Amino acid sequence: MLTNKKIILAVSGSIAAYKTATLTRLLVKKGAEVKVIMTPAATEFISALTLSTLSKNPVVADVATGSSWNNHVELALWADVMLIAPASANTLAKMANGLCDNLLLATYLSAKCPVLFAPAMDLDMWEHPTTQRNVGLLSSFPKHQMIPVGEGELASGLVGKGRMAEPEDIVAFLDNFFAAQSPQLLAGKTIMLTSGGTIEPIDPVRYITNHSTGKMGAAIAEQCARLGAKVIFINGGQGLRPKHPNIEIVTAPSANEMFLASKQHFPFCDAAILAAAVADYSPTEVADKKIKKKAEQFDINLKKTVDIAAFLGQAKTEKQILVGFALETNNAVENAQKKISSKNLDFIVLNTLEDAGAGFGHDTNKVSLIDNQGQIDTRPLQSKIAVAVDIVDKLVSLL
């Protein structure tokens, strides 16, 4: 979605300005053309040379450079979007009240393009009534959108809201923003998606499960729906539920129930993404009453569950796309490639517990997209929202 998009990255004075180096690199890597404007205060936090090198364009911070005038009107008209990140409390206040004492604000007041702003400040500043008033006012302006602040440890040592959104999340926000403006790339398509962990009952109280939270599956479902697809979301016994109106949720707590639901819906889908963590084994017998604690040792007999990916791989037609997931702890790429072949997948999303911040329970993930032609695209650690964008981009290219 960002290919050939013209983006003004406007950097104001905040400690979060250091993140704009990563943000600029990610935007350029996505194919965007980036021009950076800085306030004089911002240059105290990160150098113009750094951002100029990464953006491959001159960085401007003053109305004039030597005897040359930096034409803020032309710059504003050039852009497809103006991204103000970080947007300090001071800059937000000036924007809300029409003040114009630097090049960033002059460009902002000249902009006819959409304006996205990512606030960054300490907790007390963020919660102050004047800041909340300014943010509310700006959000009410036409073509203005706020990128939500993050929550965590702040520069002051306080913990709370006020952090600028992480660069990967800002890029994902932009991707979604442009997706909403562009033709719905998955309009008319039906995508089936399995998500979350299954639960295999032992008795009415206990069950076998895994650590899956369903965050990755929910993020993928939301992205597919944003691009116009009808999504059949088959959710395990535990897992986050997406909220987009284009998503139909089917509850399938156990591995067998998920298999039956997948078997039912797959023939009517253009693609299936199998993001669920499905149990490989389930108890051969389920007690109808709670098993009492008696013996020192207690054994449970298990039987193998149906391999949903392998079943659908045999059933799929030439017009259908099948995407699998693999969580490996050793020989990751080799094992993932074997799954592509044995299960007749078009591509697989590989992640590993060996990468810090990846896997179950995190808001981030680090994956490799491996297709049935042997191509491997390894992505950096990024938010699961950003990972979802990458996965759905790959799906769109195949559909």
Protein backbone atom coordinates (compact mmCIF):
# COMPACT_ATOMS: atom_id res chain seq x y z
CA MET A 1 0.00 0.00 0.00
CA LEU A 2 2.93 2.38 0.54
CA THR A 3 4.64 1.84 -2.81
CA ASN A 4 5.21 5.23 -4.52
CA LYS A 5 3.30 7.09 -1.82
CA LYS A 6 4.67 10.56 -1.07
CA ILE A 7 5.00 11.05 2.66
CA ILE A 8 6.08 14.11 4.62
CA LEU A 9 7.55 12.95 7.90
CA ALA A 10 7.34 15.93 10.25
CA VAL A 11 9.48 15.51 13.38
CA SER A 12 8.94 17.70 16.43
CA GLY A 13 11.02 18.03 19.59
CA SER A 14 10.59 14.90 21.69
CA ILE A 15 12.86 12.15 22.98
CA ALA A 16 10.78 9.84 20.75
CA ALA A 17 12.42 11.52 17.74
CA TYR A 18 15.13 8.84 17.91
CA LYS A 19 12.53 6.36 16.62
CA THR A 20 12.18 8.28 13.37
CA ALA A 21 15.38 6.73 12.05
CA THR A 22 13.74 3.30 12.13
CA LEU A 23 10.44 4.75 10.91
CA THR A 24 12.11 6.40 7.91
CA ARG A 25 13.97 3.22 7.02
CA LEU A 26 10.77 1.14 7.18
CA LEU A 27 8.80 3.60 5.05
CA VAL A 28 11.51 3.67 2.38
CA LYS A 29 11.76 -0.13 2.47
CA LYS A 30 8.00 -0.28 1.83
CA GLY A 31 8.52 1.77 -1.34
CA ALA A 32 7.41 5.19 -0.09
CA GLU A 33 9.13 8.46 -1.02
CA VAL A 34 9.87 10.29 2.21
CA LYS A 35 10.73 13.94 2.78
CA VAL A 36 11.56 14.95 6.34
CA ILE A 37 10.80 18.27 8.05
CA MET A 38 12.19 18.92 11.51
CA THR A 39 11.56 21.60 14.07
CA PRO A 40 14.73 23.24 15.43
CA ALA A 41 14.08 21.44 18.74
CA ALA A 42 13.91 18.06 16.98
CA THR A 43 17.48 18.47 15.70
CA GLU A 44 18.63 18.33 19.32
CA PHE A 45 17.38 14.73 19.57
CA ILE A 46 18.39 13.28 16.18
CA SER A 47 20.56 14.70 13.41
CA ALA A 48 19.21 15.90 10.10
CA LEU A 49 22.11 14.04 8.44
CA THR A 50 20.83 10.70 9.77
CA LEU A 51 17.32 11.23 8.42
CA SER A 52 18.58 12.65 5.15
CA THR A 53 20.75 9.57 4.60
CA LEU A 54 17.90 7.18 5.40
CA SER A 55 15.23 9.06 3.41
CA LYS A 56 17.56 9.77 0.46
CA ASN A 57 16.20 13.32 0.41
CA PRO A 58 17.43 16.61 1.91
CA VAL A 59 16.01 17.37 5.35
CA VAL A 60 14.70 20.87 6.03
CA ALA A 61 14.36 22.47 9.46
CA ASP A 62 14.21 26.20 8.73
CA VAL A 63 12.13 28.43 6.49
CA ALA A 64 15.30 29.38 4.65
CA THR A 65 18.57 27.56 3.97
CA GLY A 66 21.22 30.17 3.23
CA SER A 67 19.76 32.39 0.55
CA SER A 68 17.23 29.74 -0.55
CA TRP A 69 13.62 29.65 0.62
CA ASN A 70 12.19 26.25 1.57
CA ASN A 71 8.80 26.50 -0.06
CA HIS A 72 6.37 25.05 2.47
CA VAL A 73 3.42 25.46 0.07
CA GLU A 74 5.02 23.31 -2.65
CA LEU A 75 6.08 20.73 -0.07
CA ALA A 76 2.55 20.50 1.32
CA LEU A 77 1.04 20.12 -2.16
CA TRP A 78 3.57 17.39 -3.04
CA ALA A 79 2.50 14.99 -0.30
CA ASP A 80 -0.07 12.21 -0.29
CA VAL A 81 -0.03 12.35 3.49
CA MET A 82 1.63 14.41 6.21
CA LEU A 83 2.78 12.27 9.13
CA ILE A 84 3.69 14.21 12.27
CA ALA A 85 5.70 11.81 14.43
CA PRO A 86 6.51 12.47 17.13
CA ALA A 87 3.90 15.15 17.75
CA SER A 88 4.91 16.85 20.99
CA ALA A 89 2.44 18.55 23.32
CA ASN A 90 3.81 21.90 22.15
CA THR A 91 3.35 21.09 18.46
CA LEU A 92 -0.15 19.68 19.04
CA ALA A 93 -1.14 22.88 20.86
CA LYS A 94 0.16 25.05 18.03
CA MET A 95 -1.58 22.93 15.39
CA ALA A 96 -4.89 23.10 17.27
CA ASN A 97 -4.67 26.88 17.60
CA GLY A 98 -3.27 27.77 14.18
CA LEU A 99 0.11 29.06 15.38
CA CYS A 100 2.91 29.15 12.86
CA ASP A 101 6.43 29.80 14.11
CA ASN A 102 8.43 27.13 12.25
CA LEU A 103 8.58 25.32 8.91
CA LEU A 104 6.72 22.26 10.17
CA LEU A 105 3.71 24.33 11.20
CA ALA A 106 3.82 26.44 8.04
CA THR A 107 3.70 23.24 5.98
CA TYR A 108 0.93 21.84 8.16
CA LEU A 109 -1.23 24.94 7.66
CA SER A 110 -0.68 24.66 3.90
CA ALA A 111 -1.46 20.94 3.66
CA LYS A 112 -4.49 19.80 1.70
CA CYS A 113 -3.55 16.13 2.10
CA PRO A 114 -4.59 13.93 5.05
CA VAL A 115 -2.69 14.59 8.29
CA LEU A 116 -1.81 11.74 10.65
CA PHE A 117 -0.24 12.59 13.99
CA ALA A 118 1.44 10.34 16.56
CA PRO A 119 1.56 12.07 19.97
CA ALA A 120 4.56 11.57 22.24
CA MET A 121 4.94 12.97 25.75
CA ASP A 122 5.01 12.03 29.40
CA LEU A 123 2.02 10.62 31.25
CA ASP A 124 0.97 13.80 33.09
CA MET A 125 1.34 15.91 29.96
CA TRP A 126 -0.74 13.41 27.96
CA GLU A 127 -3.51 13.33 30.58
CA HIS A 128 -3.63 17.11 31.06
CA PRO A 129 -7.02 18.56 30.04
CA THR A 130 -5.45 20.99 27.56
CA THR A 131 -3.66 18.18 25.72
CA GLN A 132 -6.81 16.08 25.61
CA ARG A 133 -8.75 19.11 24.34
CA ASN A 134 -6.16 19.74 21.62
CA VAL A 135 -6.10 16.10 20.53
CA GLY A 136 -9.89 16.00 20.45
CA LEU A 137 -10.06 19.19 18.41
CA LEU A 138 -7.47 18.01 15.90
CA SER A 139 -9.20 14.64 15.54
CA SER A 140 -12.41 16.48 14.65
CA PHE A 141 -10.74 18.31 11.74
CA PRO A 142 -11.36 16.91 8.22
CA LYS A 143 -8.68 14.48 7.01
CA HIS A 144 -7.03 14.32 10.45
CA GLN A 145 -6.39 11.06 12.29
CA MET A 146 -4.53 10.37 15.49
CA ILE A 147 -2.27 7.32 15.71
CA PRO A 148 -2.99 5.98 19.23
CA VAL A 149 -0.29 6.41 21.85
CA GLY A 150 1.38 3.40 23.39
CA GLU A 151 1.54 2.46 27.04
CA GLY A 152 4.64 1.50 29.01
CA GLU A 153 7.74 2.96 30.62
CA LEU A 154 8.26 6.63 29.77
CA ALA A 155 11.39 8.77 29.69
CA SER A 156 10.59 10.18 33.14
CA GLY A 157 10.47 6.71 34.64
CA LEU A 158 6.69 6.80 34.98
CA VAL A 159 4.66 3.96 33.50
CA GLY A 160 1.50 4.75 31.55
CA LYS A 161 0.18 6.24 28.32
CA GLY A 162 2.06 8.79 26.25
CA ARG A 163 4.64 6.77 24.31
CA MET A 164 4.75 7.39 20.60
CA ALA A 165 3.49 4.35 18.70
CA GLU A 166 6.29 2.04 17.63
CA PRO A 167 7.59 2.56 14.06
CA GLU A 168 6.22 -0.80 12.92
CA ASP A 169 2.76 0.11 14.22
CA ILE A 170 2.88 3.49 12.49
CA VAL A 171 3.78 1.80 9.20
CA ALA A 172 0.91 -0.67 9.69
CA PHE A 173 -1.43 2.25 10.46
CA LEU A 174 -0.36 3.94 7.21
CA ASP A 175 -0.82 0.69 5.31
CA ASN A 176 -4.35 0.38 6.65
CA PHE A 177 -5.03 4.06 6.02
CA PHE A 178 -4.11 3.78 2.34
CA ALA A 179 -5.93 0.45 2.06
CA ALA A 180 -9.11 2.20 3.16
CA GLN A 181 -8.59 4.83 0.45
CA SER A 182 -7.78 2.35 -2.30
CA PRO A 183 -9.86 -0.28 -4.11
CA GLN A 184 -10.79 -3.15 -1.83
CA LEU A 185 -8.19 -5.66 -3.00
CA LEU A 186 -10.03 -8.63 -1.47
CA ALA A 187 -13.55 -7.50 -2.33
CA GLY A 188 -15.64 -10.47 -3.41
CA LYS A 189 -13.24 -12.94 -1.80
CA THR A 190 -14.06 -15.26 1.09
CA ILE A 191 -11.19 -16.09 3.41
CA MET A 192 -11.38 -18.82 6.04
CA LEU A 193 -9.10 -18.37 9.01
CA THR A 194 -8.47 -20.64 11.99
CA SER A 195 -7.15 -19.02 15.15
CA GLY A 196 -6.42 -19.51 18.84
CA GLY A 197 -5.62 -22.65 20.77
CA THR A 198 -7.89 -25.67 20.96
CA ILE A 199 -8.89 -27.30 24.23
CA GLU A 200 -9.13 -31.08 24.64
CA PRO A 201 -11.32 -32.09 27.62
CA ILE A 202 -10.13 -34.62 30.21
CA ASP A 203 -13.22 -34.30 32.40
CA PRO A 204 -15.84 -31.55 32.96
CA VAL A 205 -13.24 -29.45 34.79
CA ARG A 206 -9.85 -30.06 33.19
CA TYR A 207 -8.51 -29.94 29.66
CA ILE A 208 -5.28 -29.96 27.62
CA THR A 209 -4.41 -26.79 25.75
CA ASN A 210 -1.44 -24.59 24.73
CA HIS A 211 -0.22 -21.00 25.12
CA SER A 212 -1.87 -19.53 22.01
CA THR A 213 -3.65 -16.21 22.59
CA GLY A 214 -5.11 -15.81 19.09
CA LYS A 215 -3.59 -12.32 18.69
CA MET A 216 -1.93 -13.19 15.39
CA GLY A 217 -5.04 -14.76 13.90
CA ALA A 218 -7.26 -11.87 14.95
CA ALA A 219 -4.84 -9.34 13.40
CA ILE A 220 -4.84 -11.25 10.09
CA ALA A 221 -8.64 -11.49 10.08
CA GLU A 222 -8.97 -7.74 10.67
CA GLN A 223 -6.55 -6.98 7.83
CA CYS A 224 -8.39 -9.26 5.39
CA ALA A 225 -11.70 -7.65 6.34
CA ARG A 226 -10.28 -4.14 5.91
CA LEU A 227 -9.38 -5.07 2.34
CA GLY A 228 -12.96 -6.08 1.63
CA ALA A 229 -12.94 -9.84 2.19
CA LYS A 230 -15.66 -11.80 3.90
CA VAL A 231 -13.85 -13.66 6.67
CA ILE A 232 -14.96 -16.96 8.23
CA PHE A 233 -13.10 -16.87 11.55
CA ILE A 234 -12.97 -20.30 13.17
CA ASN A 235 -11.95 -19.64 16.75
CA GLY A 236 -10.59 -22.23 19.16
CA GLY A 237 -11.62 -22.65 22.75
CA GLN A 238 -9.52 -19.66 23.74
CA GLY A 239 -8.35 -16.75 21.66
CA LEU A 240 -8.88 -13.10 20.87
CA ARG A 241 -11.95 -12.32 18.78
CA PRO A 242 -11.79 -9.71 15.99
CA LYS A 243 -14.56 -7.12 15.77
CA HIS A 244 -14.80 -6.09 12.11
CA PRO A 245 -18.36 -6.43 10.74
CA ASN A 246 -17.11 -8.42 7.72
CA ILE A 247 -15.98 -11.22 10.03
CA GLU A 248 -18.25 -14.18 10.84
CA ILE A 249 -17.08 -15.96 13.99
CA VAL A 250 -17.48 -19.73 14.28
CA THR A 251 -16.62 -21.19 17.67
CA ALA A 252 -14.82 -24.54 17.54
CA PRO A 253 -13.24 -25.29 20.94
CA SER A 254 -11.64 -28.69 20.25
CA ALA A 255 -9.41 -29.96 17.47
CA ASN A 256 -12.19 -32.18 16.11
CA GLU A 257 -14.73 -29.34 16.15
CA MET A 258 -12.23 -27.12 14.35
CA PHE A 259 -11.65 -29.84 11.75
CA LEU A 260 -15.39 -30.26 11.14
CA ALA A 261 -15.92 -26.49 10.85
CA SER A 262 -12.96 -26.14 8.47
CA LYS A 263 -14.19 -29.05 6.36
CA GLN A 264 -17.63 -27.43 6.15
CA HIS A 265 -16.52 -23.92 5.15
CA PHE A 266 -13.39 -24.50 3.06
CA PRO A 267 -15.14 -25.56 -0.19
CA PHE A 268 -16.78 -22.12 -0.38
CA CYS A 269 -13.60 -20.10 0.26
CA ASP A 270 -11.03 -18.57 -2.05
CA ALA A 271 -8.30 -19.04 0.54
CA ALA A 272 -7.68 -20.42 4.00
CA ILE A 273 -5.12 -19.24 6.54
CA LEU A 274 -4.47 -21.79 9.26
CA ALA A 275 -3.16 -19.73 12.17
CA ALA A 276 -4.67 -21.82 14.99
CA ALA A 277 -2.54 -23.82 17.39
CA VAL A 278 -4.41 -27.12 17.07
CA ALA A 279 -3.75 -29.96 19.51
CA ASP A 280 -1.92 -32.89 17.92
CA TYR A 281 -3.44 -35.31 20.42
CA SER A 282 -6.62 -35.53 22.48
CA PRO A 283 -7.73 -37.89 25.29
CA THR A 284 -9.19 -41.18 24.08
CA GLU A 285 -11.83 -40.98 26.80
CA VAL A 286 -13.44 -38.00 28.54
CA ALA A 287 -14.75 -38.61 32.04
CA ASP A 288 -18.33 -37.42 32.61
CA LYS A 289 -17.49 -36.43 36.20
CA LYS A 290 -14.51 -34.74 37.78
CA ILE A 291 -11.66 -37.19 38.28
CA LYS A 292 -10.77 -37.33 41.97
CA LYS A 293 -7.19 -37.14 43.17
CA LYS A 294 -6.29 -40.63 44.44
CA ALA A 295 -3.29 -42.41 42.98
CA GLU A 296 0.28 -41.09 43.08
CA GLN A 297 0.49 -41.45 39.31
CA PHE A 298 -2.22 -40.71 36.79
CA ASP A 299 -1.98 -41.66 33.12
CA ILE A 300 -4.01 -40.28 30.23
CA ASN A 301 -4.25 -42.16 26.93
CA LEU A 302 -4.13 -39.88 23.91
CA LYS A 303 -5.13 -40.34 20.29
CA LYS A 304 -3.91 -38.40 17.29
CA THR A 305 -6.18 -35.64 15.98
CA VAL A 306 -6.93 -35.02 12.32
CA ASP A 307 -4.27 -32.95 10.54
CA ILE A 308 -6.45 -30.10 9.27
CA ALA A 309 -3.78 -28.61 7.00
CA ALA A 310 -3.05 -31.95 5.33
CA PHE A 311 -6.76 -32.67 4.83
CA LEU A 312 -7.46 -29.26 3.27
CA GLY A 313 -4.29 -29.52 1.18
CA GLN A 314 -5.66 -32.69 -0.42
CA ALA A 315 -9.10 -31.15 -0.87
CA LYS A 316 -8.12 -27.76 -2.30
CA THR A 317 -8.67 -26.85 -5.93
CA GLU A 318 -6.31 -25.01 -8.27
CA LYS A 319 -8.23 -21.80 -7.60
CA GLN A 320 -7.78 -21.95 -3.83
CA ILE A 321 -4.84 -20.69 -1.76
CA LEU A 322 -3.82 -22.50 1.43
CA VAL A 323 -1.56 -20.83 3.99
CA GLY A 324 -0.10 -22.71 6.92
CA PHE A 325 1.75 -21.76 10.10
CA ALA A 326 4.73 -23.45 11.67
CA LEU A 327 6.18 -22.88 15.12
CA GLU A 328 9.52 -24.67 15.27
CA THR A 329 12.20 -25.02 17.93
CA ASN A 330 14.89 -26.70 15.80
CA ASN A 331 15.70 -27.12 12.08
CA ALA A 332 13.03 -24.48 11.54
CA VAL A 333 13.34 -23.76 7.81
CA GLU A 334 13.86 -27.42 6.86
CA ASN A 335 10.82 -28.54 8.86
CA ALA A 336 8.68 -25.73 7.47
CA GLN A 337 9.61 -26.61 3.89
CA LYS A 338 8.68 -30.24 4.53
CA LYS A 339 5.25 -29.10 5.71
CA ILE A 340 4.74 -27.08 2.53
CA SER A 341 5.31 -30.21 0.48
CA SER A 342 3.50 -32.75 2.65
CA LYS A 343 0.43 -30.57 3.22
CA ASN A 344 0.25 -29.00 -0.28
CA LEU A 345 0.53 -25.41 1.02
CA ASP A 346 1.04 -22.35 -1.15
CA PHE A 347 3.14 -20.72 1.55
CA ILE A 348 3.86 -21.07 5.23
CA VAL A 349 4.44 -18.55 8.01
CA LEU A 350 7.37 -19.71 10.11
CA ASN A 351 8.16 -18.43 13.57
CA THR A 352 10.26 -19.78 16.41
CA LEU A 353 10.35 -19.50 20.17
CA GLU A 354 14.11 -18.89 19.92
CA ASP A 355 13.53 -15.27 18.88
CA ALA A 356 12.98 -12.90 21.81
CA GLY A 357 9.60 -11.17 21.56
CA ALA A 358 8.20 -13.75 19.14
CA GLY A 359 5.69 -16.56 19.60
CA PHE A 360 2.86 -16.94 22.07
CA GLY A 361 1.56 -14.13 24.23
CA HIS A 362 3.59 -11.27 22.73
CA ASP A 363 2.25 -8.28 20.81
CA THR A 364 5.21 -8.72 18.46
CA ASN A 365 6.39 -11.52 16.20
CA LYS A 366 9.28 -12.36 13.91
CA VAL A 367 8.36 -14.53 10.94
CA SER A 368 9.64 -15.87 7.66
CA LEU A 369 7.27 -16.29 4.71
CA ILE A 370 8.31 -19.39 2.75
CA ASP A 371 6.48 -20.26 -0.46
CA ASN A 372 6.18 -23.46 -2.47
CA GLN A 373 8.77 -22.15 -4.95
CA GLY A 374 11.42 -22.08 -2.23
CA GLN A 375 11.52 -18.32 -1.76
CA ILE A 376 12.15 -17.20 1.83
CA ASP A 377 11.25 -13.70 2.99
CA THR A 378 12.42 -13.15 6.57
CA ARG A 379 10.78 -10.21 8.28
CA PRO A 380 12.20 -8.30 11.29
CA LEU A 381 10.66 -8.39 14.76
CA GLN A 382 7.58 -6.19 14.49
CA SER A 383 4.08 -5.86 15.87
CA LYS A 384 1.62 -8.61 15.05
CA ILE A 385 -0.47 -5.99 13.26
CA ALA A 386 2.48 -5.28 10.95
CA VAL A 387 3.11 -9.02 10.50
CA ALA A 388 -0.55 -9.44 9.52
CA VAL A 389 -0.13 -6.76 6.84
CA ASP A 390 2.87 -8.65 5.40
CA ILE A 391 1.01 -11.98 5.38
CA VAL A 392 -2.09 -10.54 3.72
CA ASP A 393 0.05 -8.67 1.16
CA LYS A 394 1.53 -12.05 0.19
CA LEU A 395 -1.96 -13.57 -0.04
CA VAL A 396 -3.22 -10.69 -2.20
CA SER A 397 -0.32 -11.18 -4.63
CA LEU A 398 -1.30 -14.85 -5.07
CA LEU A 399 -5.03 -14.18 -5.41
